[in-house]
Amino acid sequence: MLNLSHKSLDVYQIALKLVNDVYGVTQRFPKEEQYVIVSQLRRAAISVCSNIAEG
């Protein structure tokens, strides 16, 4: 039987890179943006990975 884990999918690997990139970029945002747009961007990026994992 094949092991078809979401972790082996190219699209999932790309989504993980997106999360890392978003975190890296948003770390450089001004402090006044930390609790508004930064939070929203990070949650959106994580959501992509979550949606792929859910299938």
Protein backbone atom coordinates (compact mmCIF):
# COMPACT_ATOMS: atom_id res chain seq x y z
CA MET A 1 0.00 0.00 0.00
CA LEU A 2 1.24 3.48 -0.86
CA ASN A 3 1.96 6.01 1.85
CA LEU A 4 0.32 9.15 0.50
CA SER A 5 1.12 11.59 3.27
CA HIS A 6 0.48 15.26 2.65
CA LYS A 7 4.06 15.91 3.79
CA SER A 8 5.42 14.29 0.64
CA LEU A 9 3.46 16.57 -1.69
CA ASP A 10 5.39 19.29 -3.54
CA VAL A 11 2.56 21.75 -2.94
CA TYR A 12 2.82 21.16 0.82
CA GLN A 13 6.58 21.76 0.75
CA ILE A 14 6.01 25.00 -1.16
CA ALA A 15 3.38 26.04 1.39
CA LEU A 16 5.85 25.42 4.22
CA LYS A 17 8.37 27.64 2.44
CA LEU A 18 5.66 30.28 2.15
CA VAL A 19 5.13 30.16 5.92
CA ASN A 20 8.86 30.56 6.55
CA ASP A 21 9.08 33.42 4.06
CA VAL A 22 6.06 35.21 5.55
CA TYR A 23 7.49 34.91 9.06
CA GLY A 24 10.84 36.25 7.84
CA VAL A 25 9.32 39.21 6.04
CA THR A 26 6.88 40.10 8.81
CA GLN A 27 9.63 40.12 11.43
CA ARG A 28 10.88 43.29 9.76
CA PHE A 29 7.50 45.05 9.92
CA PRO A 30 7.15 48.03 12.28
CA LYS A 31 6.07 47.26 15.84
CA GLU A 32 2.75 49.05 15.38
CA GLU A 33 1.83 46.46 12.74
CA GLN A 34 2.71 43.43 14.87
CA TYR A 35 -0.80 42.78 16.17
CA VAL A 36 -2.79 43.65 13.07
CA ILE A 37 -1.49 42.84 9.62
CA VAL A 38 1.38 40.60 10.79
CA SER A 39 -0.95 38.31 12.67
CA GLN A 40 -3.34 38.13 9.74
CA LEU A 41 -0.59 37.36 7.22
CA ARG A 42 0.91 34.64 9.39
CA ARG A 43 -2.44 32.97 10.05
CA ALA A 44 -3.25 33.03 6.34
CA ALA A 45 0.04 31.36 5.43
CA ILE A 46 -0.44 28.68 8.07
CA SER A 47 -3.97 28.14 6.83
CA VAL A 48 -2.64 27.11 3.42
CA CYS A 49 -0.62 24.29 5.01
CA SER A 50 -3.55 23.27 7.20
CA ASN A 51 -5.94 23.11 4.25
CA ILE A 52 -3.55 20.93 2.27
CA ALA A 53 -3.11 18.60 5.25
CA GLU A 54 -6.88 18.29 5.68
CA GLY A 55 -7.11 17.19 2.06
